[in-house]
């Protein structure tokens, strides 16, 4: 499996890469006084982030929507703003600068700042480009020491955000590869999402007849204190396999959540078995006075810029959109998982045959001694439920419709299995979700319940 490089390992290289893109040696100045920047340009020379980078969920802000009030001649028309466009345009500015096309880079940076006045990285890039007219600029946000000390952590957050955006562009997933967690998705699962916390990146996939296809990826922020959420209020983002449960209209939310929110089913059954607590883990947008947030800035949610998040709101569907949140994603070729999928399909088929035959002894062997069912039912209580369900089949076989299998591996190797359990000849049946854990050479069910 191909593991994408983690930020700590690649940070030094990224610093050098970002430096070559945006911060080349300052060109020699012509004799005479250097051109004075316009007022709007000078204001962008230092980051204006301030308290906007504070983490957590502050009280509702009543900030007005962006109003620049500029009276200058409008720039040439640009294509309509779309998801990912601001980042794309920023990276284009860096590329133009690297090629020595400083005049075009400056013009594009100015237009980017006008279109996205709260995009702090764009402001930072424009400020450095103006500063480079008079002195060498050695690093992002290369401001005089007093200003640098005043900016404090905010400036470092902006540098980290820039490096992670550059990293995503410079080292994308191999074409056609997918995260190893997506073992099998039913056709009715039209999309899937994967979050790489170390890279501050969210990946959106479309489930096609040919398999998963990466259609977009976005910069994303996670918990202020990092990942591996364990308890309520720890300001960490959980790791695991989750599902979007609903779609929240922005009109019903505070401005803090921006374009809207997509709640996740944290804590999932595996989290609950492990004693994890907390709630309210969402994918959501940003406040109107921020374009994006620092890489670690939330109370545990995953936050995207509003234009990017609007794409998710328009695209994904609750209940059938899995969301994998990992420290670092493992990207693999889909065909490399065929053997694992075939082996687990055989286990699942054995469970199905045992239930179809109402063979309780064989059926119960698939359930772990520490099994916990829906509403915390014990194994003995669940056995009663299984006995009733098996005998209600009256000899009919069980069919598994819309099967989805997602794998999660940490200290425990698990499979998250969702399916419609339909008796032969019936048109519908309950939708069930099972969590299987590998115990030695065998897979056993540690959770089972009906969803919906």
Protein backbone atom coordinates (compact mmCIF):
# COMPACT_ATOMS: atom_id res chain seq x y z
CA UNK A 1 0.00 0.00 0.00
CA UNK A 2 1.20 3.51 -0.77
CA UNK A 3 1.18 5.82 2.23
CA UNK A 4 1.20 9.50 1.40
CA UNK A 5 3.99 11.36 3.23
CA UNK A 6 3.08 12.92 6.55
CA UNK A 7 3.50 16.62 7.16
CA UNK A 8 6.18 16.32 9.91
CA UNK A 9 8.42 14.26 7.64
CA UNK A 10 8.00 16.54 4.65
CA UNK A 11 7.77 19.91 6.38
CA UNK A 12 11.38 20.95 5.74
CA UNK A 13 11.06 20.12 2.06
CA UNK A 14 7.79 22.00 1.84
CA UNK A 15 9.33 25.07 3.42
CA UNK A 16 11.96 25.02 0.69
CA UNK A 17 9.31 24.41 -1.99
CA UNK A 18 7.11 27.27 -0.83
CA UNK A 19 10.15 29.50 -0.70
CA UNK A 20 11.03 28.82 -4.32
CA UNK A 21 7.48 29.44 -5.46
CA UNK A 22 6.70 32.74 -3.78
CA UNK A 23 9.83 34.14 -2.26
CA UNK A 24 12.61 34.41 -4.88
CA UNK A 25 15.37 36.98 -4.39
CA UNK A 26 14.05 40.50 -4.73
CA UNK A 27 14.77 42.04 -8.15
CA UNK A 28 17.20 44.91 -8.31
CA UNK A 29 15.47 48.27 -8.02
CA UNK A 30 15.86 50.88 -10.68
CA UNK A 31 17.53 54.09 -9.61
CA UNK A 32 15.29 56.46 -7.78
CA UNK A 33 12.47 56.11 -5.36
CA UNK A 34 10.61 52.75 -5.41
CA UNK A 35 6.95 52.94 -6.38
CA UNK A 36 4.65 53.54 -3.42
CA UNK A 37 1.95 50.87 -2.99
CA UNK A 38 -1.66 51.89 -3.13
CA UNK A 39 -3.45 52.10 0.20
CA UNK A 40 -5.39 48.91 -0.41
CA UNK A 41 -2.14 47.08 -1.17
CA UNK A 42 -0.28 48.41 1.84
CA UNK A 43 -3.07 47.27 4.12
CA UNK A 44 -2.48 43.71 2.95
CA UNK A 45 1.20 43.67 3.78
CA UNK A 46 0.64 42.18 7.22
CA UNK A 47 -1.77 39.36 8.06
CA UNK A 48 -5.14 40.57 9.29
CA UNK A 49 -6.15 37.36 10.97
CA UNK A 50 -6.04 38.39 14.62
CA UNK A 51 -8.63 36.77 16.80
CA UNK A 52 -10.34 35.27 13.76
CA UNK A 53 -8.05 32.26 14.12
CA UNK A 54 -9.25 31.47 17.62
CA UNK A 55 -10.52 27.92 17.90
CA UNK A 56 -13.78 26.61 19.23
CA UNK A 57 -17.32 27.91 18.81
CA UNK A 58 -17.60 31.52 19.93
CA UNK A 59 -20.85 33.35 20.46
CA UNK A 60 -22.83 34.14 17.35
CA UNK A 61 -21.28 36.91 15.33
CA UNK A 62 -23.44 39.49 13.65
CA UNK A 63 -20.78 40.44 11.14
CA UNK A 64 -22.12 41.84 7.91
CA UNK A 65 -21.45 40.10 4.64
CA UNK A 66 -18.27 41.17 2.83
CA UNK A 67 -18.48 44.77 1.63
CA UNK A 68 -15.25 46.22 0.27
CA UNK A 69 -16.69 49.59 -0.62
CA UNK A 70 -13.98 49.95 -3.27
CA UNK A 71 -14.52 52.73 -5.79
CA UNK A 72 -11.64 51.80 -8.06
CA UNK A 73 -12.19 50.75 -11.64
CA UNK A 74 -13.48 47.17 -11.61
CA UNK A 75 -11.11 44.46 -12.86
CA UNK A 76 -11.70 42.47 -16.00
CA UNK A 77 -14.50 39.90 -15.59
CA UNK A 78 -13.54 36.56 -14.07
CA UNK A 79 -15.31 33.22 -14.40
CA UNK A 80 -17.98 32.59 -11.73
CA UNK A 81 -16.50 31.66 -8.36
CA UNK A 82 -16.57 27.94 -7.71
CA UNK A 83 -15.36 25.47 -5.13
CA UNK A 84 -11.58 25.25 -4.96
CA UNK A 85 -11.08 28.27 -7.20
CA UNK A 86 -9.50 30.52 -4.58
CA UNK A 87 -6.81 27.97 -3.79
CA UNK A 88 -6.24 27.30 -7.48
CA UNK A 89 -5.78 30.99 -8.15
CA UNK A 90 -3.40 31.40 -5.20
CA UNK A 91 -1.24 28.54 -6.45
CA UNK A 92 -1.27 30.09 -9.91
CA UNK A 93 0.08 33.32 -8.41
CA UNK A 94 2.89 31.34 -6.80
CA UNK A 95 3.67 29.60 -10.08
CA UNK A 96 3.78 32.89 -12.00
CA UNK A 97 6.13 34.30 -9.38
CA UNK A 98 8.38 31.25 -9.67
CA UNK A 99 8.57 31.77 -13.42
CA UNK A 100 9.59 35.40 -12.94
CA UNK A 101 6.31 36.81 -14.27
CA UNK A 102 6.02 39.16 -11.32
CA UNK A 103 3.80 41.77 -12.99
CA UNK A 104 1.14 39.22 -13.97
CA UNK A 105 1.46 37.53 -10.57
CA UNK A 106 0.87 40.84 -8.79
CA UNK A 107 -2.16 41.64 -10.94
CA UNK A 108 -3.69 38.25 -10.25
CA UNK A 109 -2.95 38.51 -6.54
CA UNK A 110 -4.72 41.87 -6.37
CA UNK A 111 -7.78 40.45 -8.13
CA UNK A 112 -7.79 37.42 -5.83
CA UNK A 113 -7.76 39.66 -2.75
CA UNK A 114 -10.61 41.74 -4.15
CA UNK A 115 -12.69 38.61 -4.83
CA UNK A 116 -11.86 36.98 -1.49
CA UNK A 117 -11.06 39.83 0.93
CA UNK A 118 -11.00 37.44 3.91
CA UNK A 119 -8.58 34.96 2.32
CA UNK A 120 -5.65 35.67 4.64
CA UNK A 121 -3.15 33.65 2.59
CA UNK A 122 -3.91 35.77 -0.45
CA UNK A 123 -3.39 38.91 1.65
CA UNK A 124 -0.12 37.48 2.94
CA UNK A 125 1.14 36.67 -0.56
CA UNK A 126 0.24 40.11 -1.87
CA UNK A 127 1.92 41.81 1.07
CA UNK A 128 5.12 39.83 0.54
CA UNK A 129 5.13 40.61 -3.18
CA UNK A 130 4.90 44.32 -2.41
CA UNK A 131 7.58 44.08 0.25
CA UNK A 132 9.88 42.31 -2.22
CA UNK A 133 10.01 45.51 -4.28
CA UNK A 134 12.15 47.14 -1.63
CA UNK A 135 13.97 44.31 0.19
CA UNK A 136 14.64 40.58 0.03
CA UNK A 137 11.78 38.44 1.38
CA UNK A 138 13.04 35.22 2.94
CA UNK A 139 9.87 33.45 4.11
CA UNK A 140 6.07 33.72 4.05
CA UNK A 141 4.97 36.71 6.08
CA UNK A 142 8.50 38.10 6.26
CA UNK A 143 7.56 41.19 8.26
CA UNK A 144 9.75 43.28 10.58
CA UNK A 145 10.43 41.62 13.94
CA UNK A 146 8.02 43.81 15.97
CA UNK A 147 5.14 42.98 13.61
CA UNK A 148 6.11 39.32 13.58
CA UNK A 149 6.06 39.19 17.37
CA UNK A 150 2.66 40.87 17.40
CA UNK A 151 1.23 38.39 14.90
CA UNK A 152 2.49 35.50 17.04
CA UNK A 153 0.83 32.15 16.47
CA UNK A 154 -1.39 33.57 13.72
CA UNK A 155 1.54 34.02 11.36
CA UNK A 156 2.79 30.49 11.99
CA UNK A 157 -0.70 29.10 11.38
CA UNK A 158 -0.82 30.86 8.02
CA UNK A 159 2.58 29.46 7.07
CA UNK A 160 1.48 25.95 8.00
CA UNK A 161 -1.75 26.35 6.02
CA UNK A 162 0.23 27.49 2.98
CA UNK A 163 2.68 24.59 3.20
CA UNK A 164 -0.14 22.05 3.41
CA UNK A 165 -1.91 23.55 0.40
CA UNK A 166 1.36 23.46 -1.55
CA UNK A 167 1.97 19.88 -0.38
CA UNK A 168 -1.43 18.78 -1.67
CA UNK A 169 -0.67 20.26 -5.08
CA UNK A 170 2.86 18.88 -5.27
CA UNK A 171 2.09 15.33 -4.12
CA UNK A 172 -1.46 14.31 -5.11
CA UNK A 173 -2.74 10.73 -4.82
CA UNK A 174 -1.73 8.42 -7.64
CA UNK A 175 -4.33 8.50 -10.39
CA UNK A 176 -6.96 5.81 -9.93
CA UNK A 177 -5.97 4.99 -6.33
CA UNK A 178 -8.45 5.09 -3.44
CA UNK A 179 -8.20 5.02 0.37
CA UNK A 180 -7.83 1.45 1.61
CA UNK A 181 -10.87 1.82 3.88
CA UNK A 182 -13.31 1.75 0.93
CA UNK A 183 -13.48 -2.02 0.45
CA UNK A 184 -16.94 -2.17 -1.19
CA UNK A 185 -19.74 0.34 -1.76
CA UNK A 186 -23.23 -0.39 -3.05
CA UNK A 187 -24.42 1.53 -6.13
CA UNK A 188 -26.89 3.51 -3.99
CA UNK A 189 -23.88 4.98 -2.14
CA UNK A 190 -23.34 7.71 -4.69
CA UNK A 191 -20.44 9.45 -2.93
CA UNK A 192 -17.80 8.93 -0.27
CA UNK A 193 -15.54 11.28 1.69
CA UNK A 194 -12.08 10.75 3.18
CA UNK A 195 -10.21 13.18 5.45
CA UNK A 196 -6.43 13.10 5.85
CA UNK A 197 -5.82 15.01 9.09
CA UNK A 198 -2.04 15.28 8.76
CA UNK A 199 -2.40 16.84 5.32
CA UNK A 200 -5.41 19.04 6.25
CA UNK A 201 -7.22 17.62 3.22
CA UNK A 202 -10.71 16.35 2.46
CA UNK A 203 -11.26 14.15 -0.61
CA UNK A 204 -14.64 13.76 -2.33
CA UNK A 205 -15.33 10.64 -4.41
CA UNK A 206 -18.10 9.71 -6.81
CA UNK A 207 -19.16 6.05 -6.83
CA UNK A 208 -19.43 5.13 -10.51
CA UNK A 209 -20.05 1.88 -12.35
CA UNK A 210 -16.27 1.63 -12.76
CA UNK A 211 -15.62 2.23 -9.06
CA UNK A 212 -14.74 5.23 -6.91
CA UNK A 213 -13.52 8.30 -8.76
CA UNK A 214 -11.87 11.26 -7.05
CA UNK A 215 -13.77 14.37 -8.14
CA UNK A 216 -12.46 17.08 -5.79
CA UNK A 217 -10.20 17.72 -2.81
CA UNK A 218 -10.17 20.63 -0.40
CA UNK A 219 -8.12 22.16 2.38
CA UNK A 220 -9.78 21.35 5.74
CA UNK A 221 -9.32 22.25 9.41
CA UNK A 222 -9.56 19.80 12.32
CA UNK A 223 -9.58 19.99 16.11
CA UNK A 224 -7.57 22.61 17.98
CA UNK A 225 -5.83 19.90 20.02
CA UNK A 226 -5.51 17.53 17.09
CA UNK A 227 -7.13 14.15 16.48
CA UNK A 228 -8.12 10.92 18.27
CA UNK A 229 -11.13 12.30 20.12
CA UNK A 230 -11.90 10.35 23.30
CA UNK A 231 -14.04 12.47 25.64
CA UNK A 232 -16.54 15.31 25.51
CA UNK A 233 -14.86 18.70 25.23
CA UNK A 234 -11.33 17.50 24.42
CA UNK A 235 -11.27 19.66 21.24
CA UNK A 236 -10.05 16.76 19.12
CA UNK A 237 -11.39 15.32 15.88
CA UNK A 238 -12.36 11.63 16.00
CA UNK A 239 -10.72 8.99 13.84
CA UNK A 240 -12.79 6.23 12.27
CA UNK A 241 -15.55 5.37 9.83
CA UNK A 242 -18.66 7.55 10.09
CA UNK A 243 -21.77 8.41 8.11
CA UNK A 244 -23.47 11.73 7.39
CA UNK A 245 -26.76 11.64 9.29
CA UNK A 246 -28.52 14.80 8.05
CA UNK A 247 -28.13 18.07 6.17
CA UNK A 248 -28.54 21.29 8.18
CA UNK A 249 -29.80 24.39 6.41
CA UNK A 250 -27.55 27.42 7.05
CA UNK A 251 -30.68 29.48 7.73
CA UNK A 252 -31.18 27.47 10.91
CA UNK A 253 -27.58 27.91 12.13
CA UNK A 254 -25.42 30.66 13.53
CA UNK A 255 -23.19 32.53 11.08
CA UNK A 256 -20.25 30.70 12.68
CA UNK A 257 -21.07 27.59 10.60
CA UNK A 258 -21.10 29.47 7.32
CA UNK A 259 -22.64 27.62 4.37
CA UNK A 260 -24.21 24.91 6.54
CA UNK A 261 -23.39 21.66 8.31
CA UNK A 262 -23.40 17.88 7.79
CA UNK A 263 -23.55 16.06 11.16
CA UNK A 264 -21.71 12.73 11.58
CA UNK A 265 -22.72 9.72 13.69
CA UNK A 266 -19.96 10.15 16.26
CA UNK A 267 -19.68 8.28 18.56
CA UNK A 268 -20.25 5.27 16.34
CA UNK A 269 -20.85 1.82 17.88
CA UNK A 270 -17.12 1.03 17.98
CA UNK A 271 -16.47 4.34 19.75
CA UNK A 272 -19.17 3.51 22.28
CA UNK A 273 -17.74 0.05 22.94
CA UNK A 274 -14.43 1.77 23.64
CA UNK A 275 -16.05 4.19 26.07
CA UNK A 276 -15.62 7.32 23.97
CA UNK A 277 -17.93 10.24 24.65
CA UNK A 278 -18.94 13.50 23.04
CA UNK A 279 -21.32 14.66 20.31
CA UNK A 280 -21.87 17.35 17.71
CA UNK A 281 -19.09 16.37 15.31
CA UNK A 282 -19.95 18.00 11.99
CA UNK A 283 -18.54 18.87 8.62
CA UNK A 284 -19.28 22.58 8.24
CA UNK A 285 -18.30 25.91 6.70
CA UNK A 286 -16.67 29.04 8.10
CA UNK A 287 -17.94 32.35 9.51
CA UNK A 288 -18.57 35.17 7.03
CA UNK A 289 -15.47 37.07 8.22
CA UNK A 290 -13.13 34.13 7.55
CA UNK A 291 -12.28 32.37 4.30
CA UNK A 292 -10.56 29.40 5.91
CA UNK A 293 -9.46 28.41 9.39
CA UNK A 294 -6.10 27.33 10.75
CA UNK A 295 -5.14 23.66 10.24
CA UNK A 296 -6.09 22.99 13.89
CA UNK A 297 -8.85 25.41 14.87
CA UNK A 298 -12.14 23.65 15.68
CA UNK A 299 -13.71 21.99 18.70
CA UNK A 300 -13.44 18.66 16.88
CA UNK A 301 -15.40 19.26 13.68
CA UNK A 302 -13.97 19.36 10.15
CA UNK A 303 -14.29 22.85 8.65
CA UNK A 304 -14.00 23.87 5.00
CA UNK A 305 -14.12 27.20 3.20
CA UNK A 306 -17.71 28.05 2.33
CA UNK A 307 -17.36 27.74 -1.50
CA UNK A 308 -15.89 24.26 -0.99
CA UNK A 309 -18.45 23.22 1.59
CA UNK A 310 -21.30 24.33 -0.65
CA UNK A 311 -20.16 21.66 -3.11
CA UNK A 312 -20.58 19.01 -0.41
CA UNK A 313 -24.03 20.31 0.51
CA UNK A 314 -25.15 20.12 -3.12
CA UNK A 315 -23.61 16.71 -3.71
CA UNK A 316 -23.66 14.24 -0.84
CA UNK A 317 -26.67 12.50 0.65
CA UNK A 318 -27.31 11.75 4.33
CA UNK A 319 -27.33 8.13 5.53
CA UNK A 320 -25.53 6.76 2.45
CA UNK A 321 -22.36 8.88 2.45
CA UNK A 322 -19.49 7.33 4.42
CA UNK A 323 -16.85 9.64 5.88
CA UNK A 324 -13.46 8.18 6.77
CA UNK A 325 -11.30 10.38 9.03
CA UNK A 326 -7.73 9.12 9.29
CA UNK A 327 -4.45 10.40 10.64
CA UNK A 328 -2.96 9.64 7.22
CA UNK A 329 -4.74 7.92 4.35
CA UNK A 330 -3.34 4.80 2.71
CA UNK A 331 -3.93 5.04 -1.05
CA UNK A 332 -4.09 1.75 -2.92
CA UNK A 333 -5.04 0.44 -6.33
CA UNK A 334 -8.62 -0.94 -6.18
CA UNK A 335 -7.60 -4.32 -7.59
CA UNK A 336 -5.11 -4.78 -4.73
CA UNK A 337 -8.02 -5.21 -2.30
CA UNK A 338 -9.81 -7.95 -4.23
CA UNK A 339 -8.31 -10.80 -2.20
CA UNK A 340 -9.27 -9.18 1.12
CA UNK A 341 -12.77 -8.43 -0.10
CA UNK A 342 -13.24 -11.98 -1.40
CA UNK A 343 -12.02 -13.49 1.89
CA UNK A 344 -14.35 -11.36 3.98
CA UNK A 345 -17.28 -11.94 1.60
CA UNK A 346 -16.88 -15.65 2.33
CA UNK A 347 -17.15 -14.97 6.09
CA UNK A 348 -20.22 -12.80 5.60
CA UNK A 349 -21.78 -15.42 3.37
CA UNK A 350 -21.25 -18.02 6.10
CA UNK A 351 -23.13 -15.82 8.57
CA UNK A 352 -25.95 -15.37 6.04
CA UNK A 353 -26.29 -19.14 5.44
CA UNK A 354 -26.31 -19.89 9.17
CA UNK A 355 -29.14 -17.42 9.73
CA UNK A 356 -31.07 -18.64 6.69
CA UNK A 357 -30.90 -22.21 8.04
CA UNK A 358 -31.84 -21.06 11.57
CA UNK A 359 -28.71 -22.92 12.74
CA UNK A 360 -28.34 -21.10 16.05
CA UNK A 361 -25.22 -22.90 17.18
CA UNK A 362 -23.36 -22.03 13.99
CA UNK A 363 -24.86 -18.54 13.89
CA UNK A 364 -23.84 -17.62 17.45
CA UNK A 365 -20.25 -18.66 16.70
CA UNK A 366 -20.02 -15.52 14.56
CA UNK A 367 -20.69 -13.27 17.59
CA UNK A 368 -17.91 -12.23 19.98
CA UNK A 369 -18.22 -12.92 23.73
CA UNK A 370 -17.96 -9.15 24.35
CA UNK A 371 -20.67 -8.40 21.76
CA UNK A 372 -22.88 -5.39 22.43
CA UNK A 373 -26.09 -4.99 20.47
CA UNK A 374 -28.39 -2.08 19.80
CA UNK A 375 -29.45 -0.25 22.96
CA UNK A 376 -26.54 -2.03 24.72
CA UNK A 377 -28.16 -5.45 24.49
CA UNK A 378 -26.01 -8.26 25.86
CA UNK A 379 -25.07 -11.29 23.79
CA UNK A 380 -27.73 -13.39 25.58
CA UNK A 381 -30.40 -10.78 24.87
CA UNK A 382 -29.36 -10.51 21.23
CA UNK A 383 -29.44 -14.29 20.87
CA UNK A 384 -33.15 -14.16 21.68
CA UNK A 385 -33.64 -11.54 18.96
CA UNK A 386 -31.66 -13.59 16.43
CA UNK A 387 -33.63 -16.73 17.27
CA UNK A 388 -36.91 -14.94 16.59
CA UNK A 389 -35.64 -13.43 13.33
CA UNK A 390 -34.25 -16.75 12.05
CA UNK A 391 -37.44 -18.67 12.71
CA UNK A 392 -39.55 -15.88 11.17
CA UNK A 393 -37.83 -16.61 7.87
CA UNK A 394 -39.70 -19.96 7.71
CA UNK A 395 -37.00 -21.57 5.62
CA UNK A 396 -36.46 -18.65 3.27
CA UNK A 397 -32.89 -17.54 2.65
CA UNK A 398 -31.56 -14.15 3.68
CA UNK A 399 -30.35 -11.81 0.96
CA UNK A 400 -28.04 -8.85 1.62
CA UNK A 401 -29.00 -5.85 -0.50
CA UNK A 402 -26.99 -2.67 -1.04
CA UNK A 403 -23.96 -4.11 0.71
CA UNK A 404 -21.25 -1.68 1.86
CA UNK A 405 -18.01 -2.77 3.54
CA UNK A 406 -15.57 -0.28 5.02
CA UNK A 407 -12.41 -1.27 6.82
CA UNK A 408 -10.89 0.49 9.82
CA UNK A 409 -7.57 -0.57 11.33
CA UNK A 410 -5.90 0.84 14.43
CA UNK A 411 -5.23 -1.29 17.52
CA UNK A 412 -8.12 -3.43 16.27
CA UNK A 413 -8.82 -4.54 12.70
CA UNK A 414 -12.55 -3.93 12.02
CA UNK A 415 -15.09 -4.07 9.20
CA UNK A 416 -18.12 -1.77 9.14
CA UNK A 417 -20.81 -3.62 7.19
CA UNK A 418 -24.15 -2.09 6.16
CA UNK A 419 -26.88 -3.91 4.23
CA UNK A 420 -30.58 -4.39 3.74
CA UNK A 421 -31.57 -7.78 5.21
CA UNK A 422 -34.30 -9.06 2.91
CA UNK A 423 -35.95 -12.50 3.01
CA UNK A 424 -36.13 -14.27 -0.34
CA UNK A 425 -39.31 -13.22 -2.14
CA UNK A 426 -39.74 -10.05 -0.05
CA UNK A 427 -39.25 -6.59 -1.46
CA UNK A 428 -37.96 -4.81 1.63
CA UNK A 429 -36.36 -5.52 4.98
CA UNK A 430 -34.54 -3.76 7.81
CA UNK A 431 -31.28 -1.92 7.15
CA UNK A 432 -28.63 -3.27 9.49
CA UNK A 433 -25.10 -2.29 10.42
CA UNK A 434 -22.54 -4.67 11.87
CA UNK A 435 -19.07 -4.07 13.25
CA UNK A 436 -16.80 -7.08 12.81
CA UNK A 437 -13.43 -7.42 14.57
CA UNK A 438 -10.58 -9.72 13.66
CA UNK A 439 -9.70 -11.97 16.57
CA UNK A 440 -6.64 -13.98 15.62
CA UNK A 441 -7.49 -15.62 12.30
CA UNK A 442 -11.25 -15.21 12.69
CA UNK A 443 -13.75 -12.40 12.23
CA UNK A 444 -16.45 -11.94 14.87
CA UNK A 445 -19.34 -9.48 15.25
CA UNK A 446 -18.88 -7.04 18.14
CA UNK A 447 -21.94 -4.89 17.33
CA UNK A 448 -25.15 -5.26 15.36
CA UNK A 449 -28.18 -3.01 15.09
CA UNK A 450 -30.93 -1.65 12.86
CA UNK A 451 -30.46 1.85 11.46
CA UNK A 452 -33.01 4.27 10.13
